[in-house]
Each structure stands twice: as C-alpha cells, then as structure tokens.
Amino acid sequence: MIIIFTTFHKTTDALKIGQALLKHRLIACYNFFPVESAYWWQGKIEDAKEILMILKTRETNFSKIESYVKKHSGYEVPEIVAVKTAKVNSSYLAWLNKELL
C-alpha cells in the first residue's frame, strides 16, 4: 500500500478529482483538508491556501494516478508524492485490495 500526497487550489477541484479516482477504482479512499503552504516558485517565496489530499492505493496504480492528477490539477508542477507504508492493519489492507482494480 502507498499513500499519495497532492495539493489543489480549490476544494471543488479536490472533490472532483477524488471522486473520479474512486470511480475508476484507482484509489480506495481519500481524505482532504485545508492547509496554508509556503514554497519557492519562480525565484520568490509564495504563500497559498491549498487543499491537501491524501490518497490510499496500491503502488501499481501510482503512474495512472500521477497522470490523472497532472492533467486535472491546475498546477504547472503538481505535488504528487507517494510514501510506501511500512505497516498496515491487515483488515484495512484486505479492504483496500478488495476495492481496487
């Protein structure tokens, strides 16, 4: 199992992409919440209010999710960071695998 972190400008974008990824069975679950971000962009520090989304999936789905997010995120350089889980509750992992294609 991997957890993917990605950000969006607006809640509506996050919801739309999250629902699409669920319908395509590329993710089993998502969570999102508002965050305040600061980052370097084009030579200066930017501040932004963003939506951080956490996606739960299999490692084999990463490239499809990455492509979808890149195409629909609205960012020139979207954040798409995957972290492989070290341990996962066995019943949760069984549920996740059952829900994914």
PDB file of N, CA and C in Angstrom:
ATOM      1  N   MET A   1       0.844  -1.176   0.000  1.00  0.00           N
ATOM      2  CA  MET A   1       0.000   0.000   0.000  1.00  0.00           C
ATOM      3  C   MET A   1       0.891   1.241   0.000  1.00  0.00           C
ATOM      4  N   ILE A   2       0.437   2.257  -0.739  1.00  0.00           N
ATOM      5  CA  ILE A   2       1.105   3.554  -0.702  1.00  0.00           C
ATOM      6  C   ILE A   2       0.085   4.632  -0.338  1.00  0.00           C
ATOM      7  N   ILE A   3       0.614   5.716   0.179  1.00  0.00           N
ATOM      8  CA  ILE A   3      -0.183   6.903   0.453  1.00  0.00           C
ATOM      9  C   ILE A   3       0.384   8.004  -0.435  1.00  0.00           C
ATOM     10  N   ILE A   4      -0.491   8.664  -1.180  1.00  0.00           N
ATOM     11  CA  ILE A   4      -0.067   9.735  -2.073  1.00  0.00           C
ATOM     12  C   ILE A   4      -0.560  11.064  -1.519  1.00  0.00           C
ATOM     13  N   PHE A   5       0.341  12.030  -1.450  1.00  0.00           N
ATOM     14  CA  PHE A   5       0.002  13.388  -1.037  1.00  0.00           C
ATOM     15  C   PHE A   5      -0.019  14.264  -2.279  1.00  0.00           C
ATOM     16  N   THR A   6      -1.062  15.070  -2.425  1.00  0.00           N
ATOM     17  CA  THR A   6      -1.153  16.010  -3.522  1.00  0.00           C
ATOM     18  C   THR A   6      -1.951  17.225  -3.067  1.00  0.00           C
ATOM     19  N   THR A   7      -1.756  18.357  -3.725  1.00  0.00           N
ATOM     20  CA  THR A   7      -2.463  19.576  -3.332  1.00  0.00           C
ATOM     21  C   THR A   7      -3.222  20.171  -4.510  1.00  0.00           C
ATOM     22  N   PHE A   8      -4.242  20.959  -4.165  1.00  0.00           N
ATOM     23  CA  PHE A   8      -5.086  21.614  -5.158  1.00  0.00           C
ATOM     24  C   PHE A   8      -5.366  23.045  -4.724  1.00  0.00           C
ATOM     25  N   HIS A   9      -5.710  23.888  -5.708  1.00  0.00           N
ATOM     26  CA  HIS A   9      -6.075  25.276  -5.429  1.00  0.00           C
ATOM     27  C   HIS A   9      -7.408  25.363  -4.686  1.00  0.00           C
ATOM     28  N   LYS A  10      -8.370  24.534  -5.104  1.00  0.00           N
ATOM     29  CA  LYS A  10      -9.742  24.670  -4.595  1.00  0.00           C
ATOM     30  C   LYS A  10     -10.315  23.335  -4.144  1.00  0.00           C
ATOM     31  N   THR A  11     -11.212  23.401  -3.161  1.00  0.00           N
ATOM     32  CA  THR A  11     -11.914  22.216  -2.670  1.00  0.00           C
ATOM     33  C   THR A  11     -12.678  21.538  -3.797  1.00  0.00           C
ATOM     34  N   THR A  12     -13.315  22.319  -4.669  1.00  0.00           N
ATOM     35  CA  THR A  12     -14.096  21.721  -5.754  1.00  0.00           C
ATOM     36  C   THR A  12     -13.208  20.879  -6.666  1.00  0.00           C
ATOM     37  N   ASP A  13     -11.986  21.327  -6.921  1.00  0.00           N
ATOM     38  CA  ASP A  13     -11.054  20.541  -7.745  1.00  0.00           C
ATOM     39  C   ASP A  13     -10.680  19.240  -7.039  1.00  0.00           C
ATOM     40  N   ALA A  14     -10.392  19.320  -5.750  1.00  0.00           N
ATOM     41  CA  ALA A  14     -10.025  18.131  -4.985  1.00  0.00           C
ATOM     42  C   ALA A  14     -11.171  17.121  -4.979  1.00  0.00           C
ATOM     43  N   LEU A  15     -12.384  17.594  -4.740  1.00  0.00           N
ATOM     44  CA  LEU A  15     -13.541  16.695  -4.731  1.00  0.00           C
ATOM     45  C   LEU A  15     -13.743  16.036  -6.089  1.00  0.00           C
ATOM     46  N   LYS A  16     -13.653  16.811  -7.136  1.00  0.00           N
ATOM     47  CA  LYS A  16     -13.865  16.288  -8.491  1.00  0.00           C
ATOM     48  C   LYS A  16     -12.832  15.210  -8.823  1.00  0.00           C
ATOM     49  N   ILE A  17     -11.580  15.479  -8.530  1.00  0.00           N
ATOM     50  CA  ILE A  17     -10.519  14.520  -8.831  1.00  0.00           C
ATOM     51  C   ILE A  17     -10.612  13.302  -7.914  1.00  0.00           C
ATOM     52  N   GLY A  18     -10.872  13.526  -6.642  1.00  0.00           N
ATOM     53  CA  GLY A  18     -11.029  12.405  -5.714  1.00  0.00           C
ATOM     54  C   GLY A  18     -12.154  11.476  -6.130  1.00  0.00           C
ATOM     55  N   GLN A  19     -13.288  12.031  -6.502  1.00  0.00           N
ATOM     56  CA  GLN A  19     -14.425  11.206  -6.939  1.00  0.00           C
ATOM     57  C   GLN A  19     -14.099  10.443  -8.224  1.00  0.00           C
ATOM     58  N   ALA A  20     -13.413  11.088  -9.152  1.00  0.00           N
ATOM     59  CA  ALA A  20     -13.039  10.415 -10.402  1.00  0.00           C
ATOM     60  C   ALA A  20     -12.084   9.249 -10.128  1.00  0.00           C
ATOM     61  N   LEU A  21     -11.110   9.465  -9.249  1.00  0.00           N
ATOM     62  CA  LEU A  21     -10.175   8.388  -8.927  1.00  0.00           C
ATOM     63  C   LEU A  21     -10.876   7.232  -8.225  1.00  0.00           C
ATOM     64  N   LEU A  22     -11.858   7.538  -7.374  1.00  0.00           N
ATOM     65  CA  LEU A  22     -12.656   6.483  -6.743  1.00  0.00           C
ATOM     66  C   LEU A  22     -13.458   5.717  -7.788  1.00  0.00           C
ATOM     67  N   LYS A  23     -14.144   6.431  -8.670  1.00  0.00           N
ATOM     68  CA  LYS A  23     -14.977   5.776  -9.686  1.00  0.00           C
ATOM     69  C   LYS A  23     -14.151   4.884 -10.604  1.00  0.00           C
ATOM     70  N   HIS A  24     -12.905   5.294 -10.901  1.00  0.00           N
ATOM     71  CA  HIS A  24     -12.026   4.473 -11.734  1.00  0.00           C
ATOM     72  C   HIS A  24     -11.342   3.373 -10.917  1.00  0.00           C
ATOM     73  N   ARG A  25     -11.642   3.311  -9.627  1.00  0.00           N
ATOM     74  CA  ARG A  25     -11.070   2.330  -8.695  1.00  0.00           C
ATOM     75  C   ARG A  25      -9.549   2.370  -8.647  1.00  0.00           C
ATOM     76  N   LEU A  26      -9.006   3.573  -8.825  1.00  0.00           N
ATOM     77  CA  LEU A  26      -7.563   3.755  -8.706  1.00  0.00           C
ATOM     78  C   LEU A  26      -7.155   4.010  -7.255  1.00  0.00           C
ATOM     79  N   ILE A  27      -8.082   4.493  -6.454  1.00  0.00           N
ATOM     80  CA  ILE A  27      -7.862   4.677  -5.015  1.00  0.00           C
ATOM     81  C   ILE A  27      -9.009   4.010  -4.272  1.00  0.00           C
ATOM     82  N   ALA A  28      -8.747   3.623  -3.040  1.00  0.00           N
ATOM     83  CA  ALA A  28      -9.796   3.039  -2.207  1.00  0.00           C
ATOM     84  C   ALA A  28     -10.416   4.090  -1.301  1.00  0.00           C
ATOM     85  N   CYS A  29      -9.671   5.174  -1.067  1.00  0.00           N
ATOM     86  CA  CYS A  29     -10.108   6.178  -0.101  1.00  0.00           C
ATOM     87  C   CYS A  29      -9.316   7.461  -0.310  1.00  0.00           C
ATOM     88  N   TYR A  30      -9.931   8.583   0.057  1.00  0.00           N
ATOM     89  CA  TYR A  30      -9.187   9.835   0.117  1.00  0.00           C
ATOM     90  C   TYR A  30      -9.643  10.647   1.317  1.00  0.00           C
ATOM     91  N   ASN A  31      -8.756  11.494   1.771  1.00  0.00           N
ATOM     92  CA  ASN A  31      -9.041  12.483   2.810  1.00  0.00           C
ATOM     93  C   ASN A  31      -8.494  13.799   2.308  1.00  0.00           C
ATOM     94  N   PHE A  32      -9.107  14.892   2.709  1.00  0.00           N
ATOM     95  CA  PHE A  32      -8.525  16.176   2.371  1.00  0.00           C
ATOM     96  C   PHE A  32      -8.837  17.188   3.453  1.00  0.00           C
ATOM     97  N   PHE A  33      -7.986  18.198   3.511  1.00  0.00           N
ATOM     98  CA  PHE A  33      -8.188  19.273   4.470  1.00  0.00           C
ATOM     99  C   PHE A  33      -7.441  20.510   4.001  1.00  0.00           C
ATOM    100  N   PRO A  34      -7.904  21.689   4.426  1.00  0.00           N
ATOM    101  CA  PRO A  34      -7.238  22.929   4.025  1.00  0.00           C
ATOM    102  C   PRO A  34      -5.894  23.081   4.739  1.00  0.00           C
ATOM    103  N   VAL A  35      -4.923  23.621   4.014  1.00  0.00           N
ATOM    104  CA  VAL A  35      -3.602  23.890   4.579  1.00  0.00           C
ATOM    105  C   VAL A  35      -3.119  25.250   4.085  1.00  0.00           C
ATOM    106  N   GLU A  36      -2.192  25.812   4.812  1.00  0.00           N
ATOM    107  CA  GLU A  36      -1.517  27.025   4.364  1.00  0.00           C
ATOM    108  C   GLU A  36      -0.106  26.624   3.986  1.00  0.00           C
ATOM    109  N   SER A  37       0.275  26.939   2.767  1.00  0.00           N
ATOM    110  CA  SER A  37       1.557  26.496   2.226  1.00  0.00           C
ATOM    111  C   SER A  37       2.462  27.685   1.925  1.00  0.00           C
ATOM    112  N   ALA A  38       3.759  27.449   2.015  1.00  0.00           N
ATOM    113  CA  ALA A  38       4.769  28.414   1.580  1.00  0.00           C
ATOM    114  C   ALA A  38       5.799  27.623   0.792  1.00  0.00           C
ATOM    115  N   TYR A  39       6.227  28.179  -0.344  1.00  0.00           N
ATOM    116  CA  TYR A  39       7.135  27.453  -1.214  1.00  0.00           C
ATOM    117  C   TYR A  39       7.834  28.422  -2.168  1.00  0.00           C
ATOM    118  N   TRP A  40       8.957  27.947  -2.706  1.00  0.00           N
ATOM    119  CA  TRP A  40       9.667  28.713  -3.727  1.00  0.00           C
ATOM    120  C   TRP A  40       8.969  28.509  -5.048  1.00  0.00           C
ATOM    121  N   TRP A  41       8.718  29.591  -5.788  1.00  0.00           N
ATOM    122  CA  TRP A  41       8.166  29.498  -7.140  1.00  0.00           C
ATOM    123  C   TRP A  41       8.711  30.648  -7.965  1.00  0.00           C
ATOM    124  N   GLN A  42       9.401  30.298  -9.026  1.00  0.00           N
ATOM    125  CA  GLN A  42       9.965  31.250  -9.967  1.00  0.00           C
ATOM    126  C   GLN A  42      10.794  32.339  -9.281  1.00  0.00           C
ATOM    127  N   GLY A  43      11.685  31.885  -8.382  1.00  0.00           N
ATOM    128  CA  GLY A  43      12.645  32.779  -7.757  1.00  0.00           C
ATOM    129  C   GLY A  43      12.180  33.547  -6.539  1.00  0.00           C
ATOM    130  N   LYS A  44      10.935  33.309  -6.102  1.00  0.00           N
ATOM    131  CA  LYS A  44      10.490  34.004  -4.885  1.00  0.00           C
ATOM    132  C   LYS A  44       9.622  33.079  -4.036  1.00  0.00           C
ATOM    133  N   ILE A  45       9.477  33.458  -2.780  1.00  0.00           N
ATOM    134  CA  ILE A  45       8.665  32.670  -1.857  1.00  0.00           C
ATOM    135  C   ILE A  45       7.205  33.070  -2.017  1.00  0.00           C
ATOM    136  N   GLU A  46       6.361  32.062  -2.199  1.00  0.00           N
ATOM    137  CA  GLU A  46       4.915  32.254  -2.344  1.00  0.00           C
ATOM    138  C   GLU A  46       4.201  31.703  -1.118  1.00  0.00           C
ATOM    139  N   ASP A  47       3.071  32.291  -0.799  1.00  0.00           N
ATOM    140  CA  ASP A  47       2.172  31.782   0.240  1.00  0.00           C
ATOM    141  C   ASP A  47       0.849  31.464  -0.436  1.00  0.00           C
ATOM    142  N   ALA A  48       0.221  30.358  -0.028  1.00  0.00           N
ATOM    143  CA  ALA A  48      -1.047  29.987  -0.651  1.00  0.00           C
ATOM    144  C   ALA A  48      -1.898  29.171   0.311  1.00  0.00           C
ATOM    145  N   LYS A  49      -3.191  29.311   0.155  1.00  0.00           N
ATOM    146  CA  LYS A  49      -4.135  28.422   0.823  1.00  0.00           C
ATOM    147  C   LYS A  49      -4.441  27.321  -0.185  1.00  0.00           C
ATOM    148  N   GLU A  50      -4.241  26.081   0.247  1.00  0.00           N
ATOM    149  CA  GLU A  50      -4.427  24.945  -0.640  1.00  0.00           C
ATOM    150  C   GLU A  50      -5.259  23.870   0.057  1.00  0.00           C
ATOM    151  N   ILE A  51      -5.607  22.881  -0.729  1.00  0.00           N
ATOM    152  CA  ILE A  51      -6.278  21.691  -0.209  1.00  0.00           C
ATOM    153  C   ILE A  51      -5.277  20.544  -0.332  1.00  0.00           C
ATOM    154  N   LEU A  52      -4.923  19.941   0.791  1.00  0.00           N
ATOM    155  CA  LEU A  52      -4.037  18.783   0.796  1.00  0.00           C
ATOM    156  C   LEU A  52      -4.902  17.532   0.742  1.00  0.00           C
ATOM    157  N   MET A  53      -4.611  16.676  -0.217  1.00  0.00           N
ATOM    158  CA  MET A  53      -5.373  15.441  -0.364  1.00  0.00           C
ATOM    159  C   MET A  53      -4.451  14.257  -0.117  1.00  0.00           C
ATOM    160  N   ILE A  54      -4.964  13.275   0.610  1.00  0.00           N
ATOM    161  CA  ILE A  54      -4.254  12.039   0.901  1.00  0.00           C
ATOM    162  C   ILE A  54      -5.021  10.916   0.213  1.00  0.00           C
ATOM    163  N   LEU A  55      -4.335  10.193  -0.660  1.00  0.00           N
ATOM    164  CA  LEU A  55      -4.941   9.108  -1.434  1.00  0.00           C
ATOM    165  C   LEU A  55      -4.351   7.781  -0.988  1.00  0.00           C
ATOM    166  N   LYS A  56      -5.197   6.768  -0.807  1.00  0.00           N
ATOM    167  CA  LYS A  56      -4.718   5.442  -0.408  1.00  0.00           C
ATOM    168  C   LYS A  56      -4.921   4.470  -1.558  1.00  0.00           C
ATOM    169  N   THR A  57      -3.825   3.767  -1.922  1.00  0.00           N
ATOM    170  CA  THR A  57      -3.875   2.896  -3.091  1.00  0.00           C
ATOM    171  C   THR A  57      -2.752   1.870  -3.065  1.00  0.00           C
ATOM    172  N   ARG A  58      -2.631   1.140  -4.164  1.00  0.00           N
ATOM    173  CA  ARG A  58      -1.514   0.215  -4.392  1.00  0.00           C
ATOM    174  C   ARG A  58      -0.416   0.926  -5.180  1.00  0.00           C
ATOM    175  N   GLU A  59       0.793   0.471  -5.015  1.00  0.00           N
ATOM    176  CA  GLU A  59       1.918   1.046  -5.738  1.00  0.00           C
ATOM    177  C   GLU A  59       1.734   0.927  -7.256  1.00  0.00           C
ATOM    178  N   THR A  60       1.087  -0.145  -7.706  1.00  0.00           N
ATOM    179  CA  THR A  60       0.880  -0.355  -9.145  1.00  0.00           C
ATOM    180  C   THR A  60      -0.036   0.695  -9.776  1.00  0.00           C
ATOM    181  N   ASN A  61      -0.795   1.426  -8.978  1.00  0.00           N
ATOM    182  CA  ASN A  61      -1.696   2.454  -9.501  1.00  0.00           C
ATOM    183  C   ASN A  61      -1.050   3.841  -9.583  1.00  0.00           C
ATOM    184  N   PHE A  62       0.174   3.979  -9.080  1.00  0.00           N
ATOM    185  CA  PHE A  62       0.779   5.304  -8.988  1.00  0.00           C
ATOM    186  C   PHE A  62       0.830   6.036 -10.327  1.00  0.00           C
ATOM    187  N   SER A  63       1.317   5.395 -11.374  1.00  0.00           N
ATOM    188  CA  SER A  63       1.504   6.115 -12.644  1.00  0.00           C
ATOM    189  C   SER A  63       0.180   6.587 -13.233  1.00  0.00           C
ATOM    190  N   LYS A  64      -0.890   5.811 -13.087  1.00  0.00           N
ATOM    191  CA  LYS A  64      -2.204   6.241 -13.584  1.00  0.00           C
ATOM    192  C   LYS A  64      -2.723   7.434 -12.780  1.00  0.00           C
ATOM    193  N   ILE A  65      -2.550   7.380 -11.475  1.00  0.00           N
ATOM    194  CA  ILE A  65      -2.974   8.487 -10.614  1.00  0.00           C
ATOM    195  C   ILE A  65      -2.140   9.728 -10.926  1.00  0.00           C
ATOM    196  N   GLU A  66      -0.835   9.550 -11.051  1.00  0.00           N
ATOM    197  CA  GLU A  66       0.053  10.662 -11.384  1.00  0.00           C
ATOM    198  C   GLU A  66      -0.392  11.339 -12.683  1.00  0.00           C
ATOM    199  N   SER A  67      -0.666  10.560 -13.710  1.00  0.00           N
ATOM    200  CA  SER A  67      -1.107  11.120 -14.998  1.00  0.00           C
ATOM    201  C   SER A  67      -2.416  11.882 -14.858  1.00  0.00           C
ATOM    202  N   TYR A  68      -3.356  11.308 -14.121  1.00  0.00           N
ATOM    203  CA  TYR A  68      -4.659  11.955 -13.951  1.00  0.00           C
ATOM    204  C   TYR A  68      -4.530  13.280 -13.205  1.00  0.00           C
ATOM    205  N   VAL A  69      -3.774  13.266 -12.120  1.00  0.00           N
ATOM    206  CA  VAL A  69      -3.593  14.489 -11.325  1.00  0.00           C
ATOM    207  C   VAL A  69      -2.865  15.550 -12.143  1.00  0.00           C
ATOM    208  N   LYS A  70      -1.813  15.168 -12.857  1.00  0.00           N
ATOM    209  CA  LYS A  70      -1.084  16.138 -13.690  1.00  0.00           C
ATOM    210  C   LYS A  70      -2.017  16.801 -14.702  1.00  0.00           C
ATOM    211  N   LYS A  71      -2.881  16.017 -15.291  1.00  0.00           N
ATOM    212  CA  LYS A  71      -3.787  16.526 -16.323  1.00  0.00           C
ATOM    213  C   LYS A  71      -4.873  17.436 -15.765  1.00  0.00           C
ATOM    214  N   HIS A  72      -5.339  17.175 -14.523  1.00  0.00           N
ATOM    215  CA  HIS A  72      -6.513  17.868 -13.994  1.00  0.00           C
ATOM    216  C   HIS A  72      -6.272  18.772 -12.791  1.00  0.00           C
ATOM    217  N   SER A  73      -5.047  18.846 -12.281  1.00  0.00           N
ATOM    218  CA  SER A  73      -4.813  19.576 -11.029  1.00  0.00           C
ATOM    219  C   SER A  73      -4.891  21.089 -11.164  1.00  0.00           C
ATOM    220  N   GLY A  74      -4.541  21.617 -12.331  1.00  0.00           N
ATOM    221  CA  GLY A  74      -4.482  23.064 -12.497  1.00  0.00           C
ATOM    222  C   GLY A  74      -3.116  23.645 -12.156  1.00  0.00           C
ATOM    223  N   TYR A  75      -2.213  22.817 -11.668  1.00  0.00           N
ATOM    224  CA  TYR A  75      -0.866  23.273 -11.337  1.00  0.00           C
ATOM    225  C   TYR A  75       0.089  22.977 -12.489  1.00  0.00           C
ATOM    226  N   GLU A  76       1.014  23.896 -12.730  1.00  0.00           N
ATOM    227  CA  GLU A  76       2.064  23.660 -13.722  1.00  0.00           C
ATOM    228  C   GLU A  76       2.989  22.541 -13.260  1.00  0.00           C
ATOM    229  N   VAL A  77       3.294  22.534 -11.956  1.00  0.00           N
ATOM    230  CA  VAL A  77       4.143  21.499 -11.352  1.00  0.00           C
ATOM    231  C   VAL A  77       3.401  20.959 -10.120  1.00  0.00           C
ATOM    232  N   PRO A  78       2.516  19.994 -10.326  1.00  0.00           N
ATOM    233  CA  PRO A  78       1.746  19.499  -9.181  1.00  0.00           C
ATOM    234  C   PRO A  78       2.596  18.659  -8.225  1.00  0.00           C
ATOM    235  N   GLU A  79       2.251  18.746  -6.961  1.00  0.00           N
ATOM    236  CA  GLU A  79       2.873  17.893  -5.949  1.00  0.00           C
ATOM    237  C   GLU A  79       2.180  16.542  -6.011  1.00  0.00           C
ATOM    238  N   ILE A  80       2.960  15.497  -6.263  1.00  0.00           N
ATOM    239  CA  ILE A  80       2.438  14.130  -6.257  1.00  0.00           C
ATOM    240  C   ILE A  80       3.518  13.278  -5.604  1.00  0.00           C
ATOM    241  N   VAL A  81       3.375  13.040  -4.311  1.00  0.00           N
ATOM    242  CA  VAL A  81       4.400  12.370  -3.530  1.00  0.00           C
ATOM    243  C   VAL A  81       3.815  11.089  -2.943  1.00  0.00           C
ATOM    244  N   ALA A  82       4.459   9.959  -3.237  1.00  0.00           N
ATOM    245  CA  ALA A  82       3.992   8.674  -2.709  1.00  0.00           C
ATOM    246  C   ALA A  82       4.925   8.181  -1.615  1.00  0.00           C
ATOM    247  N   VAL A  83       4.327   7.639  -0.575  1.00  0.00           N
ATOM    248  CA  VAL A  83       5.073   7.057   0.531  1.00  0.00           C
ATOM    249  C   VAL A  83       4.579   5.624   0.706  1.00  0.00           C
ATOM    250  N   LYS A  84       5.518   4.688   0.673  1.00  0.00           N
ATOM    251  CA  LYS A  84       5.159   3.288   0.874  1.00  0.00           C
ATOM    252  C   LYS A  84       4.991   3.049   2.369  1.00  0.00           C
ATOM    253  N   THR A  85       3.900   2.416   2.729  1.00  0.00           N
ATOM    254  CA  THR A  85       3.636   2.173   4.146  1.00  0.00           C
ATOM    255  C   THR A  85       4.493   1.015   4.656  1.00  0.00           C
ATOM    256  N   ALA A  86       4.997   1.156   5.868  1.00  0.00           N
ATOM    257  CA  ALA A  86       5.813   0.110   6.478  1.00  0.00           C
ATOM    258  C   ALA A  86       4.924  -0.977   7.093  1.00  0.00           C
ATOM    259  N   LYS A  87       3.853  -0.552   7.697  1.00  0.00           N
ATOM    260  CA  LYS A  87       2.922  -1.494   8.327  1.00  0.00           C
ATOM    261  C   LYS A  87       1.510  -0.987   8.110  1.00  0.00           C
ATOM    262  N   VAL A  88       0.606  -1.918   7.895  1.00  0.00           N
ATOM    263  CA  VAL A  88      -0.802  -1.588   7.699  1.00  0.00           C
ATOM    264  C   VAL A  88      -1.641  -2.636   8.415  1.00  0.00           C
ATOM    265  N   ASN A  89      -2.651  -2.178   9.100  1.00  0.00           N
ATOM    266  CA  ASN A  89      -3.618  -3.069   9.727  1.00  0.00           C
ATOM    267  C   ASN A  89      -4.097  -4.072   8.674  1.00  0.00           C
ATOM    268  N   SER A  90      -4.029  -5.363   8.946  1.00  0.00           N
ATOM    269  CA  SER A  90      -4.331  -6.391   7.943  1.00  0.00           C
ATOM    270  C   SER A  90      -5.762  -6.320   7.422  1.00  0.00           C
ATOM    271  N   SER A  91      -6.726  -6.000   8.267  1.00  0.00           N
ATOM    272  CA  SER A  91      -8.102  -5.915   7.780  1.00  0.00           C
ATOM    273  C   SER A  91      -8.294  -4.686   6.890  1.00  0.00           C
ATOM    274  N   TYR A  92      -7.603  -3.599   7.185  1.00  0.00           N
ATOM    275  CA  TYR A  92      -7.669  -2.405   6.336  1.00  0.00           C
ATOM    276  C   TYR A  92      -7.038  -2.694   4.977  1.00  0.00           C
ATOM    277  N   LEU A  93      -5.897  -3.363   4.979  1.00  0.00           N
ATOM    278  CA  LEU A  93      -5.221  -3.699   3.735  1.00  0.00           C
ATOM    279  C   LEU A  93      -6.071  -4.643   2.884  1.00  0.00           C
ATOM    280  N   ALA A  94      -6.731  -5.596   3.521  1.00  0.00           N
ATOM    281  CA  ALA A  94      -7.623  -6.510   2.790  1.00  0.00           C
ATOM    282  C   ALA A  94      -8.778  -5.729   2.169  1.00  0.00           C
ATOM    283  N   TRP A  95      -9.348  -4.788   2.920  1.00  0.00           N
ATOM    284  CA  TRP A  95     -10.435  -3.951   2.385  1.00  0.00           C
ATOM    285  C   TRP A  95      -9.935  -3.135   1.194  1.00  0.00           C
ATOM    286  N   LEU A  96      -8.772  -2.492   1.335  1.00  0.00           N
ATOM    287  CA  LEU A  96      -8.208  -1.673   0.277  1.00  0.00           C
ATOM    288  C   LEU A  96      -8.019  -2.506  -0.995  1.00  0.00           C
ATOM    289  N   ASN A  97      -7.412  -3.674  -0.875  1.00  0.00           N
ATOM    290  CA  ASN A  97      -7.169  -4.505  -2.041  1.00  0.00           C
ATOM    291  C   ASN A  97      -8.456  -4.996  -2.695  1.00  0.00           C
ATOM    292  N   LYS A  98      -9.482  -5.226  -1.904  1.00  0.00           N
ATOM    293  CA  LYS A  98     -10.780  -5.650  -2.436  1.00  0.00           C
ATOM    294  C   LYS A  98     -11.425  -4.551  -3.266  1.00  0.00           C
ATOM    295  N   GLU A  99     -11.206  -3.288  -2.886  1.00  0.00           N
ATOM    296  CA  GLU A  99     -11.871  -2.147  -3.539  1.00  0.00           C
ATOM    297  C   GLU A  99     -11.167  -1.652  -4.787  1.00  0.00           C
ATOM    298  N   LEU A 100      -9.914  -2.014  -4.974  1.00  0.00           N
ATOM    299  CA  LEU A 100      -9.144  -1.527  -6.120  1.00  0.00           C
ATOM    300  C   LEU A 100      -9.165  -2.516  -7.263  1.00  0.00           C
ATOM    301  N   LEU A 101      -9.037  -1.996  -8.484  1.00  0.00           N
ATOM    302  CA  LEU A 101      -8.931  -2.880  -9.655  1.00  0.00           C
ATOM    303  C   LEU A 101      -7.515  -3.353  -9.822  1.00  0.00           C
TER     304      LEU A 101
END
